[in-house]
mmCIF file of all heavy atoms, coordinates in Angstrom:
data_MODEL
# 
_entry.id   MODEL 
# 
loop_
_atom_site.group_PDB 
_atom_site.id 
_atom_site.type_symbol 
_atom_site.label_atom_id 
_atom_site.label_alt_id 
_atom_site.label_comp_id 
_atom_site.label_asym_id 
_atom_site.label_entity_id 
_atom_site.label_seq_id 
_atom_site.pdbx_PDB_ins_code 
_atom_site.Cartn_x 
_atom_site.Cartn_y 
_atom_site.Cartn_z 
_atom_site.occupancy 
_atom_site.B_iso_or_equiv 
_atom_site.pdbx_formal_charge 
_atom_site.auth_seq_id 
_atom_site.auth_comp_id 
_atom_site.auth_asym_id 
_atom_site.auth_atom_id 
_atom_site.pdbx_PDB_model_num 
ATOM 1   N N   . GLN A 1 1  ? 93.220  114.363 105.375 1.00 0.00 ? 1  GLN A N   1 
ATOM 2   C CA  . GLN A 1 1  ? 92.555  113.115 105.759 1.00 0.00 ? 1  GLN A CA  1 
ATOM 3   C C   . GLN A 1 1  ? 92.576  112.163 104.561 1.00 0.00 ? 1  GLN A C   1 
ATOM 4   O O   . GLN A 1 1  ? 92.029  112.472 103.498 1.00 0.00 ? 1  GLN A O   1 
ATOM 5   C CB  . GLN A 1 1  ? 91.129  113.392 106.211 1.00 0.00 ? 1  GLN A CB  1 
ATOM 6   C CG  . GLN A 1 1  ? 91.021  114.440 107.317 1.00 0.00 ? 1  GLN A CG  1 
ATOM 7   C CD  . GLN A 1 1  ? 91.724  114.013 108.599 1.00 0.00 ? 1  GLN A CD  1 
ATOM 8   O OE1 . GLN A 1 1  ? 91.266  113.107 109.300 1.00 0.00 ? 1  GLN A OE1 1 
ATOM 9   N NE2 . GLN A 1 1  ? 92.847  114.665 108.916 1.00 0.00 ? 1  GLN A NE2 1 
ATOM 10  N N   . ILE A 1 2  ? 93.208  111.002 104.742 1.00 0.00 ? 2  ILE A N   1 
ATOM 11  C CA  . ILE A 1 2  ? 93.508  110.097 103.627 1.00 0.00 ? 2  ILE A CA  1 
ATOM 12  C C   . ILE A 1 2  ? 92.716  108.804 103.727 1.00 0.00 ? 2  ILE A C   1 
ATOM 13  O O   . ILE A 1 2  ? 92.562  108.229 104.803 1.00 0.00 ? 2  ILE A O   1 
ATOM 14  C CB  . ILE A 1 2  ? 95.018  109.777 103.589 1.00 0.00 ? 2  ILE A CB  1 
ATOM 15  C CG1 . ILE A 1 2  ? 95.821  111.070 103.391 1.00 0.00 ? 2  ILE A CG1 1 
ATOM 16  C CG2 . ILE A 1 2  ? 95.343  108.783 102.482 1.00 0.00 ? 2  ILE A CG2 1 
ATOM 17  C CD1 . ILE A 1 2  ? 97.312  110.873 103.500 1.00 0.00 ? 2  ILE A CD1 1 
ATOM 18  N N   . GLY A 1 3  ? 92.255  108.342 102.566 1.00 0.00 ? 3  GLY A N   1 
ATOM 19  C CA  . GLY A 1 3  ? 91.663  107.024 102.434 1.00 0.00 ? 3  GLY A CA  1 
ATOM 20  C C   . GLY A 1 3  ? 92.523  106.166 101.528 1.00 0.00 ? 3  GLY A C   1 
ATOM 21  O O   . GLY A 1 3  ? 92.935  106.611 100.444 1.00 0.00 ? 3  GLY A O   1 
ATOM 22  N N   . ILE A 1 4  ? 92.819  104.959 101.966 1.00 0.00 ? 4  ILE A N   1 
ATOM 23  C CA  . ILE A 1 4  ? 93.679  104.037 101.220 1.00 0.00 ? 4  ILE A CA  1 
ATOM 24  C C   . ILE A 1 4  ? 92.827  102.980 100.534 1.00 0.00 ? 4  ILE A C   1 
ATOM 25  O O   . ILE A 1 4  ? 92.000  102.332 101.176 1.00 0.00 ? 4  ILE A O   1 
ATOM 26  C CB  . ILE A 1 4  ? 94.677  103.322 102.154 1.00 0.00 ? 4  ILE A CB  1 
ATOM 27  C CG1 . ILE A 1 4  ? 95.560  104.336 102.892 1.00 0.00 ? 4  ILE A CG1 1 
ATOM 28  C CG2 . ILE A 1 4  ? 95.522  102.310 101.381 1.00 0.00 ? 4  ILE A CG2 1 
ATOM 29  C CD1 . ILE A 1 4  ? 96.555  105.038 102.033 1.00 0.00 ? 4  ILE A CD1 1 
ATOM 30  N N   . VAL A 1 5  ? 93.041  102.796 99.233  1.00 0.00 ? 5  VAL A N   1 
ATOM 31  C CA  . VAL A 1 5  ? 92.403  101.696 98.506  1.00 0.00 ? 5  VAL A CA  1 
ATOM 32  C C   . VAL A 1 5  ? 93.513  100.753 98.042  1.00 0.00 ? 5  VAL A C   1 
ATOM 33  O O   . VAL A 1 5  ? 94.321  101.104 97.186  1.00 0.00 ? 5  VAL A O   1 
ATOM 34  C CB  . VAL A 1 5  ? 91.589  102.188 97.306  1.00 0.00 ? 5  VAL A CB  1 
ATOM 35  C CG1 . VAL A 1 5  ? 90.924  100.999 96.609  1.00 0.00 ? 5  VAL A CG1 1 
ATOM 36  C CG2 . VAL A 1 5  ? 90.534  103.198 97.742  1.00 0.00 ? 5  VAL A CG2 1 
ATOM 37  N N   . GLY A 1 6  ? 93.548  99.575  98.647  1.00 0.00 ? 6  GLY A N   1 
ATOM 38  C CA  . GLY A 1 6  ? 94.605  98.608  98.364  1.00 0.00 ? 6  GLY A CA  1 
ATOM 39  C C   . GLY A 1 6  ? 95.599  98.573  99.497  1.00 0.00 ? 6  GLY A C   1 
ATOM 40  O O   . GLY A 1 6  ? 96.441  99.478  99.619  1.00 0.00 ? 6  GLY A O   1 
ATOM 41  N N   . CYS A 1 7  ? 95.515  97.560  100.345 1.00 0.00 ? 7  CYS A N   1 
ATOM 42  C CA  . CYS A 1 7  ? 96.361  97.474  101.539 1.00 0.00 ? 7  CYS A CA  1 
ATOM 43  C C   . CYS A 1 7  ? 97.389  96.351  101.435 1.00 0.00 ? 7  CYS A C   1 
ATOM 44  O O   . CYS A 1 7  ? 97.684  95.652  102.408 1.00 0.00 ? 7  CYS A O   1 
ATOM 45  C CB  . CYS A 1 7  ? 95.484  97.287  102.779 1.00 0.00 ? 7  CYS A CB  1 
ATOM 46  S SG  . CYS A 1 7  ? 94.311  98.628  103.057 1.00 0.00 ? 7  CYS A SG  1 
ATOM 47  N N   . GLY A 1 8  ? 97.923  96.161  100.240 1.00 0.00 ? 8  GLY A N   1 
ATOM 48  C CA  . GLY A 1 8  ? 98.913  95.114  100.000 1.00 0.00 ? 8  GLY A CA  1 
ATOM 49  C C   . GLY A 1 8  ? 100.335 95.589  100.194 1.00 0.00 ? 8  GLY A C   1 
ATOM 50  O O   . GLY A 1 8  ? 100.615 96.488  101.003 1.00 0.00 ? 8  GLY A O   1 
ATOM 51  N N   . GLY A 1 9  ? 101.255 95.002  99.395  1.00 0.00 ? 9  GLY A N   1 
ATOM 52  C CA  . GLY A 1 9  ? 102.678 95.226  99.590  1.00 0.00 ? 9  GLY A CA  1 
ATOM 53  C C   . GLY A 1 9  ? 103.123 96.669  99.471  1.00 0.00 ? 9  GLY A C   1 
ATOM 54  O O   . GLY A 1 9  ? 103.808 97.195  100.348 1.00 0.00 ? 9  GLY A O   1 
ATOM 55  N N   . ILE A 1 10 ? 102.751 97.342  98.384  1.00 0.00 ? 10 ILE A N   1 
ATOM 56  C CA  . ILE A 1 10 ? 103.248 98.698  98.166  1.00 0.00 ? 10 ILE A CA  1 
ATOM 57  C C   . ILE A 1 10 ? 102.678 99.658  99.192  1.00 0.00 ? 10 ILE A C   1 
ATOM 58  O O   . ILE A 1 10 ? 103.331 100.635 99.576  1.00 0.00 ? 10 ILE A O   1 
ATOM 59  C CB  . ILE A 1 10 ? 102.944 99.172  96.722  1.00 0.00 ? 10 ILE A CB  1 
ATOM 60  C CG1 . ILE A 1 10 ? 103.832 100.364 96.349  1.00 0.00 ? 10 ILE A CG1 1 
ATOM 61  C CG2 . ILE A 1 10 ? 101.474 99.492  96.538  1.00 0.00 ? 10 ILE A CG2 1 
ATOM 62  C CD1 . ILE A 1 10 ? 105.282 100.040 96.221  1.00 0.00 ? 10 ILE A CD1 1 
ATOM 63  N N   . ALA A 1 11 ? 101.475 99.404  99.680  1.00 0.00 ? 11 ALA A N   1 
ATOM 64  C CA  . ALA A 1 11 ? 100.894 100.244 100.730 1.00 0.00 ? 11 ALA A CA  1 
ATOM 65  C C   . ALA A 1 11 ? 101.672 100.089 102.029 1.00 0.00 ? 11 ALA A C   1 
ATOM 66  O O   . ALA A 1 11 ? 102.003 101.074 102.703 1.00 0.00 ? 11 ALA A O   1 
ATOM 67  C CB  . ALA A 1 11 ? 99.428  99.887  100.944 1.00 0.00 ? 11 ALA A CB  1 
ATOM 68  N N   . ASN A 1 12 ? 101.974 98.837  102.394 1.00 0.00 ? 12 ASN A N   1 
ATOM 69  C CA  . ASN A 1 12 ? 102.654 98.570  103.657 1.00 0.00 ? 12 ASN A CA  1 
ATOM 70  C C   . ASN A 1 12 ? 104.142 98.873  103.621 1.00 0.00 ? 12 ASN A C   1 
ATOM 71  O O   . ASN A 1 12 ? 104.723 99.239  104.648 1.00 0.00 ? 12 ASN A O   1 
ATOM 72  C CB  . ASN A 1 12 ? 102.444 97.102  104.050 1.00 0.00 ? 12 ASN A CB  1 
ATOM 73  C CG  . ASN A 1 12 ? 101.069 96.855  104.626 1.00 0.00 ? 12 ASN A CG  1 
ATOM 74  O OD1 . ASN A 1 12 ? 100.829 97.106  105.802 1.00 0.00 ? 12 ASN A OD1 1 
ATOM 75  N ND2 . ASN A 1 12 ? 100.146 96.376  103.799 1.00 0.00 ? 12 ASN A ND2 1 
ATOM 76  N N   . GLN A 1 13 ? 104.749 98.736  102.470 1.00 0.00 ? 13 GLN A N   1 
ATOM 77  C CA  . GLN A 1 13 ? 106.194 98.927  102.377 1.00 0.00 ? 13 GLN A CA  1 
ATOM 78  C C   . GLN A 1 13 ? 106.597 100.361 102.062 1.00 0.00 ? 13 GLN A C   1 
ATOM 79  O O   . GLN A 1 13 ? 107.688 100.780 102.415 1.00 0.00 ? 13 GLN A O   1 
ATOM 80  C CB  . GLN A 1 13 ? 106.766 98.006  101.287 1.00 0.00 ? 13 GLN A CB  1 
ATOM 81  C CG  . GLN A 1 13 ? 106.642 96.535  101.589 1.00 0.00 ? 13 GLN A CG  1 
ATOM 82  C CD  . GLN A 1 13 ? 107.532 96.103  102.737 1.00 0.00 ? 13 GLN A CD  1 
ATOM 83  O OE1 . GLN A 1 13 ? 108.614 96.633  102.930 1.00 0.00 ? 13 GLN A OE1 1 
ATOM 84  N NE2 . GLN A 1 13 ? 107.082 95.126  103.506 1.00 0.00 ? 13 GLN A NE2 1 
ATOM 85  N N   . LYS A 1 14 ? 105.730 101.103 101.396 1.00 0.00 ? 14 LYS A N   1 
ATOM 86  C CA  . LYS A 1 14 ? 106.086 102.464 100.980 1.00 0.00 ? 14 LYS A CA  1 
ATOM 87  C C   . LYS A 1 14 ? 105.136 103.521 101.543 1.00 0.00 ? 14 LYS A C   1 
ATOM 88  O O   . LYS A 1 14 ? 105.544 104.387 102.316 1.00 0.00 ? 14 LYS A O   1 
ATOM 89  C CB  . LYS A 1 14 ? 106.131 102.555 99.451  1.00 0.00 ? 14 LYS A CB  1 
ATOM 90  C CG  . LYS A 1 14 ? 106.309 103.958 98.896  1.00 0.00 ? 14 LYS A CG  1 
ATOM 91  C CD  . LYS A 1 14 ? 106.124 103.989 97.385  1.00 0.00 ? 14 LYS A CD  1 
ATOM 92  C CE  . LYS A 1 14 ? 105.962 105.393 96.870  1.00 0.00 ? 14 LYS A CE  1 
ATOM 93  N NZ  . LYS A 1 14 ? 105.666 105.447 95.426  1.00 0.00 ? 14 LYS A NZ  1 
ATOM 94  N N   . HIS A 1 15 ? 103.887 103.461 101.170 1.00 0.00 ? 15 HIS A N   1 
ATOM 95  C CA  . HIS A 1 15 ? 102.998 104.591 101.389 1.00 0.00 ? 15 HIS A CA  1 
ATOM 96  C C   . HIS A 1 15 ? 102.615 104.803 102.848 1.00 0.00 ? 15 HIS A C   1 
ATOM 97  O O   . HIS A 1 15 ? 102.718 105.918 103.372 1.00 0.00 ? 15 HIS A O   1 
ATOM 98  C CB  . HIS A 1 15 ? 101.734 104.437 100.534 1.00 0.00 ? 15 HIS A CB  1 
ATOM 99  C CG  . HIS A 1 15 ? 101.998 104.595 99.076  1.00 0.00 ? 15 HIS A CG  1 
ATOM 100 N ND1 . HIS A 1 15 ? 102.029 105.818 98.455  1.00 0.00 ? 15 HIS A ND1 1 
ATOM 101 C CD2 . HIS A 1 15 ? 102.274 103.678 98.109  1.00 0.00 ? 15 HIS A CD2 1 
ATOM 102 C CE1 . HIS A 1 15 ? 102.304 105.664 97.172  1.00 0.00 ? 15 HIS A CE1 1 
ATOM 103 N NE2 . HIS A 1 15 ? 102.453 104.373 96.933  1.00 0.00 ? 15 HIS A NE2 1 
ATOM 104 N N   . MET A 1 16 ? 102.145 103.765 103.517 1.00 0.00 ? 16 MET A N   1 
ATOM 105 C CA  . MET A 1 16 ? 101.679 103.957 104.888 1.00 0.00 ? 16 MET A CA  1 
ATOM 106 C C   . MET A 1 16 ? 102.814 104.282 105.859 1.00 0.00 ? 16 MET A C   1 
ATOM 107 O O   . MET A 1 16 ? 102.643 105.153 106.718 1.00 0.00 ? 16 MET A O   1 
ATOM 108 C CB  . MET A 1 16 ? 100.835 102.757 105.324 1.00 0.00 ? 16 MET A CB  1 
ATOM 109 C CG  . MET A 1 16 ? 99.536  102.660 104.524 1.00 0.00 ? 16 MET A CG  1 
ATOM 110 S SD  . MET A 1 16 ? 98.318  101.441 105.094 1.00 0.00 ? 16 MET A SD  1 
ATOM 111 C CE  . MET A 1 16 ? 99.190  99.881  104.829 1.00 0.00 ? 16 MET A CE  1 
ATOM 112 N N   . PRO A 1 17 ? 103.998 103.664 105.735 1.00 0.00 ? 17 PRO A N   1 
ATOM 113 C CA  . PRO A 1 17 ? 105.102 104.122 106.582 1.00 0.00 ? 17 PRO A CA  1 
ATOM 114 C C   . PRO A 1 17 ? 105.495 105.573 106.311 1.00 0.00 ? 17 PRO A C   1 
ATOM 115 O O   . PRO A 1 17 ? 105.856 106.302 107.238 1.00 0.00 ? 17 PRO A O   1 
ATOM 116 C CB  . PRO A 1 17 ? 106.242 103.158 106.212 1.00 0.00 ? 17 PRO A CB  1 
ATOM 117 C CG  . PRO A 1 17 ? 105.554 101.933 105.728 1.00 0.00 ? 17 PRO A CG  1 
ATOM 118 C CD  . PRO A 1 17 ? 104.345 102.422 105.010 1.00 0.00 ? 17 PRO A CD  1 
ATOM 119 N N   . ALA A 1 18 ? 105.407 105.998 105.044 1.00 0.00 ? 18 ALA A N   1 
ATOM 120 C CA  . ALA A 1 18 ? 105.727 107.391 104.720 1.00 0.00 ? 18 ALA A CA  1 
ATOM 121 C C   . ALA A 1 18 ? 104.722 108.342 105.355 1.00 0.00 ? 18 ALA A C   1 
ATOM 122 O O   . ALA A 1 18 ? 105.089 109.404 105.874 1.00 0.00 ? 18 ALA A O   1 
ATOM 123 C CB  . ALA A 1 18 ? 105.754 107.573 103.199 1.00 0.00 ? 18 ALA A CB  1 
ATOM 124 N N   . MET A 1 19 ? 103.445 107.969 105.338 1.00 0.00 ? 19 MET A N   1 
ATOM 125 C CA  . MET A 1 19 ? 102.426 108.813 105.977 1.00 0.00 ? 19 MET A CA  1 
ATOM 126 C C   . MET A 1 19 ? 102.628 108.858 107.484 1.00 0.00 ? 19 MET A C   1 
ATOM 127 O O   . MET A 1 19 ? 102.429 109.906 108.118 1.00 0.00 ? 19 MET A O   1 
ATOM 128 C CB  . MET A 1 19 ? 101.033 108.283 105.638 1.00 0.00 ? 19 MET A CB  1 
ATOM 129 C CG  . MET A 1 19 ? 100.664 108.419 104.171 1.00 0.00 ? 19 MET A CG  1 
ATOM 130 S SD  . MET A 1 19 ? 99.087  107.616 103.817 1.00 0.00 ? 19 MET A SD  1 
ATOM 131 C CE  . MET A 1 19 ? 99.391  107.040 102.146 1.00 0.00 ? 19 MET A CE  1 
ATOM 132 N N   . LYS A 1 20 ? 103.027 107.746 108.044 1.00 0.00 ? 20 LYS A N   1 
ATOM 133 C CA  . LYS A 1 20 ? 103.306 107.714 109.487 1.00 0.00 ? 20 LYS A CA  1 
ATOM 134 C C   . LYS A 1 20 ? 104.465 108.649 109.817 1.00 0.00 ? 20 LYS A C   1 
ATOM 135 O O   . LYS A 1 20 ? 104.444 109.346 110.847 1.00 0.00 ? 20 LYS A O   1 
ATOM 136 C CB  . LYS A 1 20 ? 103.622 106.285 109.926 1.00 0.00 ? 20 LYS A CB  1 
ATOM 137 C CG  . LYS A 1 20 ? 103.786 106.108 111.425 1.00 0.00 ? 20 LYS A CG  1 
ATOM 138 C CD  . LYS A 1 20 ? 103.962 104.642 111.779 1.00 0.00 ? 20 LYS A CD  1 
ATOM 139 C CE  . LYS A 1 20 ? 104.064 104.446 113.288 1.00 0.00 ? 20 LYS A CE  1 
ATOM 140 N NZ  . LYS A 1 20 ? 104.201 103.001 113.645 1.00 0.00 ? 20 LYS A NZ  1 
ATOM 141 N N   . ALA A 1 21 ? 105.478 108.678 108.947 1.00 0.00 ? 21 ALA A N   1 
ATOM 142 C CA  . ALA A 1 21 ? 106.621 109.568 109.157 1.00 0.00 ? 21 ALA A CA  1 
ATOM 143 C C   . ALA A 1 21 ? 106.220 111.033 109.007 1.00 0.00 ? 21 ALA A C   1 
ATOM 144 O O   . ALA A 1 21 ? 106.891 111.919 109.542 1.00 0.00 ? 21 ALA A O   1 
ATOM 145 C CB  . ALA A 1 21 ? 107.737 109.226 108.173 1.00 0.00 ? 21 ALA A CB  1 
ATOM 146 N N   . ASN A 1 22 ? 105.141 111.284 108.263 1.00 0.00 ? 22 ASN A N   1 
ATOM 147 C CA  . ASN A 1 22 ? 104.644 112.644 108.054 1.00 0.00 ? 22 ASN A CA  1 
ATOM 148 C C   . ASN A 1 22 ? 103.334 112.875 108.803 1.00 0.00 ? 22 ASN A C   1 
ATOM 149 O O   . ASN A 1 22 ? 102.441 113.574 108.324 1.00 0.00 ? 22 ASN A O   1 
ATOM 150 C CB  . ASN A 1 22 ? 104.434 112.894 106.557 1.00 0.00 ? 22 ASN A CB  1 
ATOM 151 C CG  . ASN A 1 22 ? 105.742 112.948 105.794 1.00 0.00 ? 22 ASN A CG  1 
ATOM 152 O OD1 . ASN A 1 22 ? 106.722 113.528 106.269 1.00 0.00 ? 22 ASN A OD1 1 
ATOM 153 N ND2 . ASN A 1 22 ? 105.773 112.347 104.611 1.00 0.00 ? 22 ASN A ND2 1 
ATOM 154 N N   . ALA A 1 23 ? 103.243 112.306 109.983 1.00 0.00 ? 23 ALA A N   1 
ATOM 155 C CA  . ALA A 1 23 ? 101.996 112.367 110.757 1.00 0.00 ? 23 ALA A CA  1 
ATOM 156 C C   . ALA A 1 23 ? 101.616 113.784 111.164 1.00 0.00 ? 23 ALA A C   1 
ATOM 157 O O   . ALA A 1 23 ? 100.468 114.037 111.552 1.00 0.00 ? 23 ALA A O   1 
ATOM 158 C CB  . ALA A 1 23 ? 102.110 111.491 112.007 1.00 0.00 ? 23 ALA A CB  1 
ATOM 159 N N   . ASP A 1 24 ? 102.547 114.721 111.068 1.00 0.00 ? 24 ASP A N   1 
ATOM 160 C CA  . ASP A 1 24 ? 102.209 116.111 111.365 1.00 0.00 ? 24 ASP A CA  1 
ATOM 161 C C   . ASP A 1 24 ? 101.374 116.749 110.263 1.00 0.00 ? 24 ASP A C   1 
ATOM 162 O O   . ASP A 1 24 ? 100.744 117.788 110.475 1.00 0.00 ? 24 ASP A O   1 
ATOM 163 C CB  . ASP A 1 24 ? 103.482 116.934 111.571 1.00 0.00 ? 24 ASP A CB  1 
ATOM 164 C CG  . ASP A 1 24 ? 104.402 116.914 110.356 1.00 0.00 ? 24 ASP A CG  1 
ATOM 165 O OD1 . ASP A 1 24 ? 104.611 115.819 109.789 1.00 0.00 ? 24 ASP A OD1 1 
ATOM 166 O OD2 . ASP A 1 24 ? 104.908 117.991 109.986 1.00 0.00 ? 24 ASP A OD2 1 
ATOM 167 N N   . LEU A 1 25 ? 101.329 116.086 109.087 1.00 0.00 ? 25 LEU A N   1 
ATOM 168 C CA  . LEU A 1 25 ? 100.596 116.634 107.955 1.00 0.00 ? 25 LEU A CA  1 
ATOM 169 C C   . LEU A 1 25 ? 99.357  115.840 107.579 1.00 0.00 ? 25 LEU A C   1 
ATOM 170 O O   . LEU A 1 25 ? 98.498  116.355 106.850 1.00 0.00 ? 25 LEU A O   1 
ATOM 171 C CB  . LEU A 1 25 ? 101.508 116.723 106.715 1.00 0.00 ? 25 LEU A CB  1 
ATOM 172 C CG  . LEU A 1 25 ? 102.735 117.620 106.806 1.00 0.00 ? 25 LEU A CG  1 
ATOM 173 C CD1 . LEU A 1 25 ? 103.476 117.615 105.479 1.00 0.00 ? 25 LEU A CD1 1 
ATOM 174 C CD2 . LEU A 1 25 ? 102.357 119.039 107.202 1.00 0.00 ? 25 LEU A CD2 1 
# 
């Protein structure tokens, strides 16, 4: 269970799409 601090460019371009791709984890 993840909490994100900072929802700008790097979150939207890298981290959150990667978590979506790993939604099984």
